Amino acid sequence: MGLKANGCDFRKFVNYEDSDDLYLYEVGRNKCTPLYSYEHLVKNRIIIHIIKKGKGILRINNKQYDIHKDQIFLIPENYRCFYQADKDDPWEYIWFIIGGPKIPLMLKEAGLTPEHPVYTPISDSRVITELALDTLKNYKRQYYCIGNLYRICDYMIENSSRKEEITVSNSLRYVKNAISYIQLKYSEPVKIEQVASALGLNRSYLTRLFKDATGYSLQEYLLTYRMKMAIKLLADKSLSVAEIAKNVGYNDTFTFSKAFKRHYGKAPSDYRSVEIKVSTGTITNV
């Protein structure tokens, strides 16, 4: 059984962040009562609502949108939004709280942005709804859920009613190529200037494009990616912290350990020690 809370008939906090591009933090379903409303101001997260039945309204950016079955609406990060179920035909929706550097890019390709927060498919919307329900059913399976979210995004991109209006601009291609370059070269002592040079761009120009598209600075993304890779390597007890530092692009252990502690709140050796104790059952509820 799911967790019932705050009017929700199903809600699970999952915190899946192993993927490099797409994170899933929460899944839920709500069969709303008439005029049920909610107001959001979400920091560093994005929420999408998939309307299974009924209708309602969304208010964002001083605009109101009438939303109905088979549509999807977006709650962007750092935007204040209000939404409310219809009085006579209240909606039932599935929601995902998501994040990651490529999520804004994927949603933008589908035509879903803060300026256009409502998505309407041109083909059978049941594909999206069925994938969403399947994700709820299998919420304990991290990679299965992430895979379904990729499928949902792919279907949205291919079946957007705004597809003819949208062209993948050069700036978006630059951002994607920058992400690919970092994921390929993170284990080397790569600098932001090298990323920009590899793409044939000025550093400040690429930095601005990247921040506008993803919400991350290039340096933040490079650091975050390296730290994620370091966490995976720490699970291998045969690797020393010094070896891990080199494997994620740091020339010296001190600089790596300092960056790791600033990012996670503890030194790599302390993090590894806690993880070992948790895995052996020595510590619980950490």
Protein backbone atom coordinates (compact mmCIF):
# COMPACT_ATOMS: atom_id res chain seq x y z
CA MET A 1 0.00 0.00 0.00
CA GLY A 2 1.12 3.56 -0.70
CA LEU A 3 1.41 6.29 1.86
CA LYS A 4 -1.66 8.48 2.33
CA ALA A 5 -0.92 12.07 3.26
CA ASN A 6 -2.21 15.57 2.59
CA GLY A 7 -5.03 14.43 0.33
CA CYS A 8 -2.85 11.99 -1.64
CA ASP A 9 -3.98 8.42 -2.15
CA PHE A 10 -0.42 7.31 -3.01
CA ARG A 11 2.94 8.96 -2.28
CA LYS A 12 6.48 7.64 -2.11
CA PHE A 13 9.80 9.40 -1.55
CA VAL A 14 12.39 7.50 -3.57
CA ASN A 15 15.43 9.79 -4.07
CA TYR A 16 16.87 8.05 -7.13
CA GLU A 17 20.01 9.96 -8.21
CA ASP A 18 22.26 7.28 -9.71
CA SER A 19 21.48 8.36 -13.27
CA ASP A 20 23.82 11.00 -14.65
CA ASP A 21 21.11 13.05 -16.32
CA LEU A 22 17.74 12.45 -14.70
CA TYR A 23 16.84 12.17 -11.01
CA LEU A 24 13.57 11.00 -9.46
CA TYR A 25 12.74 12.19 -5.94
CA GLU A 26 9.07 11.46 -5.41
CA VAL A 27 6.16 9.70 -7.09
CA GLY A 28 2.48 10.05 -6.28
CA ARG A 29 -1.13 9.91 -7.35
CA ASN A 30 -4.04 12.03 -6.23
CA LYS A 31 -7.75 11.62 -6.92
CA CYS A 32 -8.83 15.11 -5.93
CA THR A 33 -12.01 16.23 -4.26
CA PRO A 34 -13.94 19.15 -5.85
CA LEU A 35 -11.97 22.43 -5.68
CA TYR A 36 -8.98 20.74 -4.01
CA SER A 37 -6.10 23.19 -4.42
CA TYR A 38 -2.37 23.40 -3.82
CA GLU A 39 0.27 26.10 -4.02
CA HIS A 40 3.93 25.36 -4.73
CA LEU A 41 7.26 27.15 -4.64
CA VAL A 42 9.77 24.38 -5.25
CA LYS A 43 13.52 24.90 -4.91
CA ASN A 44 15.90 22.93 -7.13
CA ARG A 45 13.20 20.51 -8.23
CA ILE A 46 10.71 20.21 -11.10
CA ILE A 47 7.25 18.65 -10.83
CA ILE A 48 5.20 17.26 -13.69
CA HIS A 49 1.53 16.32 -13.31
CA ILE A 50 -0.06 13.86 -15.74
CA ILE A 51 -3.84 14.28 -15.84
CA LYS A 52 -5.53 10.87 -15.84
CA LYS A 53 -9.13 12.09 -15.48
CA GLY A 54 -11.10 15.27 -14.96
CA LYS A 55 -9.96 18.88 -15.21
CA GLY A 56 -8.73 21.90 -13.28
CA ILE A 57 -6.76 25.11 -13.53
CA LEU A 58 -3.12 26.17 -13.19
CA ARG A 59 -1.96 29.71 -12.37
CA ILE A 60 1.64 30.65 -13.07
CA ASN A 61 3.39 33.80 -14.34
CA ASN A 62 0.16 35.78 -13.81
CA LYS A 63 -1.63 33.54 -16.30
CA GLN A 64 -4.36 30.94 -15.84
CA TYR A 65 -4.54 27.72 -17.85
CA ASP A 66 -7.54 25.41 -18.13
CA ILE A 67 -6.23 21.85 -18.08
CA HIS A 68 -8.05 18.62 -18.84
CA LYS A 69 -7.61 14.87 -19.15
CA ASP A 70 -4.58 13.67 -21.14
CA GLN A 71 -2.62 16.89 -20.67
CA ILE A 72 0.51 17.41 -18.56
CA PHE A 73 1.40 20.51 -16.61
CA LEU A 74 4.73 21.69 -15.28
CA ILE A 75 5.69 23.21 -11.94
CA PRO A 76 9.12 24.70 -12.73
CA GLU A 77 11.78 25.14 -10.08
CA ASN A 78 11.73 28.47 -8.25
CA TYR A 79 8.32 29.47 -9.62
CA ARG A 80 5.27 30.04 -7.44
CA CYS A 81 2.30 28.13 -8.82
CA PHE A 82 -1.30 27.50 -7.82
CA TYR A 83 -3.51 24.72 -9.14
CA GLN A 84 -7.04 23.64 -8.33
CA ALA A 85 -9.38 20.80 -9.24
CA ASP A 86 -12.64 21.56 -11.03
CA LYS A 87 -15.81 21.83 -8.96
CA ASP A 88 -17.88 19.42 -11.07
CA ASP A 89 -15.22 17.21 -12.67
CA PRO A 90 -12.19 17.22 -10.33
CA TRP A 91 -9.04 15.83 -11.79
CA GLU A 92 -7.06 12.75 -10.92
CA TYR A 93 -3.36 13.04 -11.64
CA ILE A 94 -0.02 11.31 -11.26
CA TRP A 95 2.99 13.42 -10.32
CA PHE A 96 6.73 13.05 -10.40
CA ILE A 97 9.23 15.29 -8.63
CA ILE A 98 12.32 15.21 -10.81
CA GLY A 99 15.67 16.90 -11.38
CA GLY A 100 18.99 16.55 -13.13
CA PRO A 101 20.94 18.55 -15.70
CA LYS A 102 19.20 17.17 -18.78
CA ILE A 103 15.61 17.36 -17.52
CA PRO A 104 15.10 21.03 -18.52
CA LEU A 105 16.56 20.22 -21.95
CA MET A 106 14.28 17.23 -22.51
CA LEU A 107 11.18 19.09 -21.39
CA LYS A 108 12.14 22.06 -23.55
CA GLU A 109 12.40 19.77 -26.58
CA ALA A 110 8.87 18.63 -25.81
CA GLY A 111 7.75 22.26 -25.63
CA LEU A 112 7.22 22.25 -21.88
CA THR A 113 8.77 25.36 -20.28
CA PRO A 114 7.85 27.97 -17.64
CA GLU A 115 6.50 30.09 -20.51
CA HIS A 116 4.53 27.13 -21.92
CA PRO A 117 3.72 25.01 -18.83
CA VAL A 118 0.99 22.84 -20.39
CA TYR A 119 1.72 19.90 -22.70
CA THR A 120 -0.79 18.38 -25.12
CA PRO A 121 0.15 15.20 -27.05
CA ILE A 122 -0.86 14.79 -30.68
CA SER A 123 -1.04 11.00 -30.38
CA ASP A 124 -2.51 8.51 -27.95
CA SER A 125 -1.93 9.96 -24.48
CA ARG A 126 -2.62 6.60 -22.87
CA VAL A 127 1.01 5.67 -23.57
CA ILE A 128 2.19 8.34 -21.12
CA THR A 129 -0.47 7.51 -18.54
CA GLU A 130 0.31 3.79 -18.68
CA LEU A 131 4.04 4.44 -18.29
CA ALA A 132 3.31 6.70 -15.32
CA LEU A 133 1.08 4.11 -13.65
CA ASP A 134 3.67 1.42 -14.33
CA THR A 135 6.28 3.60 -12.60
CA LEU A 136 4.07 3.94 -9.52
CA LYS A 137 3.54 0.19 -9.47
CA ASN A 138 7.29 -0.46 -9.64
CA TYR A 139 8.49 2.47 -7.52
CA LYS A 140 10.98 0.27 -5.62
CA ARG A 141 12.97 -0.42 -8.81
CA GLN A 142 15.26 2.56 -9.36
CA TYR A 143 16.51 1.81 -12.87
CA TYR A 144 13.11 0.65 -14.06
CA CYS A 145 11.58 3.94 -12.90
CA ILE A 146 14.33 6.04 -14.50
CA GLY A 147 13.93 4.06 -17.72
CA ASN A 148 10.20 4.80 -17.74
CA LEU A 149 10.86 8.50 -17.22
CA TYR A 150 13.17 8.50 -20.25
CA ARG A 151 10.41 6.78 -22.23
CA ILE A 152 7.87 9.36 -21.09
CA CYS A 153 10.17 12.22 -22.11
CA ASP A 154 10.93 10.57 -25.45
CA TYR A 155 7.23 10.09 -26.19
CA MET A 156 6.50 13.67 -25.20
CA ILE A 157 9.19 14.97 -27.55
CA GLU A 158 7.98 12.88 -30.46
CA ASN A 159 4.28 13.65 -29.91
CA SER A 160 4.22 17.28 -28.83
CA SER A 161 1.51 19.52 -30.28
CA ARG A 162 4.19 22.25 -30.39
CA LYS A 163 6.74 20.11 -32.21
CA GLU A 164 6.52 22.11 -35.44
CA GLU A 165 7.15 25.33 -33.50
CA ILE A 166 10.24 23.96 -31.76
CA THR A 167 13.66 23.69 -33.30
CA VAL A 168 16.64 22.44 -31.36
CA SER A 169 18.74 25.58 -31.48
CA ASN A 170 22.51 25.67 -31.75
CA SER A 171 22.64 26.82 -28.13
CA LEU A 172 20.81 23.68 -26.97
CA ARG A 173 23.15 21.51 -29.01
CA TYR A 174 26.13 23.24 -27.42
CA VAL A 175 24.75 22.48 -23.96
CA LYS A 176 24.20 18.82 -24.81
CA ASN A 177 27.69 18.56 -26.26
CA ALA A 178 29.16 20.18 -23.16
CA ILE A 179 27.44 17.61 -20.95
CA SER A 180 28.70 14.78 -23.16
CA TYR A 181 32.24 16.19 -23.10
CA ILE A 182 32.26 16.42 -19.29
CA GLN A 183 30.90 12.90 -18.89
CA LEU A 184 33.64 11.66 -21.21
CA LYS A 185 36.54 13.68 -19.77
CA TYR A 186 35.67 14.05 -16.05
CA SER A 187 38.44 11.65 -15.04
CA GLU A 188 41.02 13.98 -16.55
CA PRO A 189 42.06 17.33 -15.02
CA VAL A 190 39.77 19.10 -17.49
CA LYS A 191 39.10 22.83 -17.13
CA ILE A 192 36.06 24.80 -18.25
CA GLU A 193 38.22 26.60 -20.81
CA GLN A 194 38.93 23.22 -22.41
CA VAL A 195 35.22 22.39 -22.64
CA ALA A 196 34.52 25.72 -24.33
CA SER A 197 37.53 25.36 -26.64
CA ALA A 198 36.47 21.85 -27.68
CA LEU A 199 33.10 23.30 -28.74
CA GLY A 200 34.68 26.31 -30.41
CA LEU A 201 33.05 28.78 -28.03
CA ASN A 202 34.02 31.58 -25.70
CA ARG A 203 34.03 30.39 -22.06
CA SER A 204 31.69 33.11 -20.77
CA TYR A 205 29.23 32.52 -23.63
CA LEU A 206 29.09 28.76 -23.05
CA THR A 207 28.78 29.30 -19.30
CA ARG A 208 25.76 31.54 -19.82
CA LEU A 209 24.12 29.12 -22.27
CA PHE A 210 24.66 26.21 -19.87
CA LYS A 211 23.27 28.04 -16.85
CA ASP A 212 20.21 29.26 -18.75
CA ALA A 213 19.44 25.77 -20.07
CA THR A 214 20.13 23.61 -17.02
CA GLY A 215 20.18 25.82 -13.94
CA TYR A 216 23.74 24.64 -13.23
CA SER A 217 26.97 26.48 -13.94
CA LEU A 218 29.48 24.45 -15.93
CA GLN A 219 31.75 24.29 -12.89
CA GLU A 220 28.87 23.11 -10.68
CA TYR A 221 27.96 20.37 -13.14
CA LEU A 222 31.57 19.20 -13.50
CA LEU A 223 31.96 19.09 -9.72
CA THR A 224 28.62 17.35 -9.18
CA TYR A 225 29.39 14.74 -11.82
CA ARG A 226 32.82 14.04 -10.35
CA MET A 227 31.36 13.67 -6.87
CA LYS A 228 28.72 11.23 -8.14
CA MET A 229 31.44 9.13 -9.76
CA ALA A 230 33.50 9.31 -6.54
CA ILE A 231 30.58 7.93 -4.53
CA LYS A 232 30.39 4.94 -6.84
CA LEU A 233 34.12 4.33 -6.60
CA LEU A 234 34.09 4.53 -2.80
CA ALA A 235 31.98 1.37 -2.80
CA ASP A 236 35.06 -0.46 -4.12
CA LYS A 237 37.08 -1.00 -0.93
CA SER A 238 40.15 -2.03 -2.94
CA LEU A 239 40.59 1.56 -4.14
CA SER A 240 42.37 4.06 -1.92
CA VAL A 241 41.07 7.62 -1.60
CA ALA A 242 44.16 8.77 -3.50
CA GLU A 243 43.33 6.43 -6.39
CA ILE A 244 39.72 7.62 -6.42
CA ALA A 245 40.87 11.24 -6.49
CA LYS A 246 42.91 10.56 -9.63
CA ASN A 247 40.06 8.60 -11.20
CA VAL A 248 37.73 11.59 -10.94
CA GLY A 249 40.18 14.19 -12.22
CA TYR A 250 42.03 15.47 -9.16
CA ASN A 251 45.82 15.65 -9.10
CA ASP A 252 46.07 15.54 -5.32
CA THR A 253 44.10 13.86 -2.57
CA PHE A 254 43.83 16.96 -0.38
CA THR A 255 42.01 19.01 -3.02
CA PHE A 256 39.67 16.11 -3.76
CA SER A 257 38.92 15.46 -0.07
CA LYS A 258 38.24 19.14 0.52
CA ALA A 259 35.84 19.29 -2.44
CA PHE A 260 34.14 16.05 -1.36
CA LYS A 261 33.63 17.27 2.20
CA ARG A 262 32.24 20.58 0.99
CA HIS A 263 29.81 18.71 -1.28
CA TYR A 264 28.69 15.90 1.07
CA GLY A 265 29.50 17.23 4.52
CA LYS A 266 32.07 14.57 5.40
CA ALA A 267 35.47 13.41 4.22
CA PRO A 268 35.64 10.51 1.71
CA SER A 269 37.09 8.12 4.29
CA ASP A 270 34.35 9.03 6.78
CA TYR A 271 31.67 8.60 4.12
CA ARG A 272 33.06 5.19 3.21
CA SER A 273 33.22 4.18 6.88
CA VAL A 274 29.55 5.06 7.44
CA GLU A 275 28.48 3.27 4.26
CA ILE A 276 30.33 0.12 5.33
CA LYS A 277 28.68 0.16 8.73
CA VAL A 278 25.26 0.67 7.19
CA SER A 279 25.77 -2.20 4.75
CA THR A 280 26.75 -4.54 7.60
CA GLY A 281 23.87 -3.45 9.76
CA THR A 282 25.97 -1.67 12.39
CA ILE A 283 24.17 1.61 11.80
CA THR A 284 20.53 2.05 10.82
CA ASN A 285 18.40 5.03 9.85
CA VAL A 286 21.42 7.09 8.81
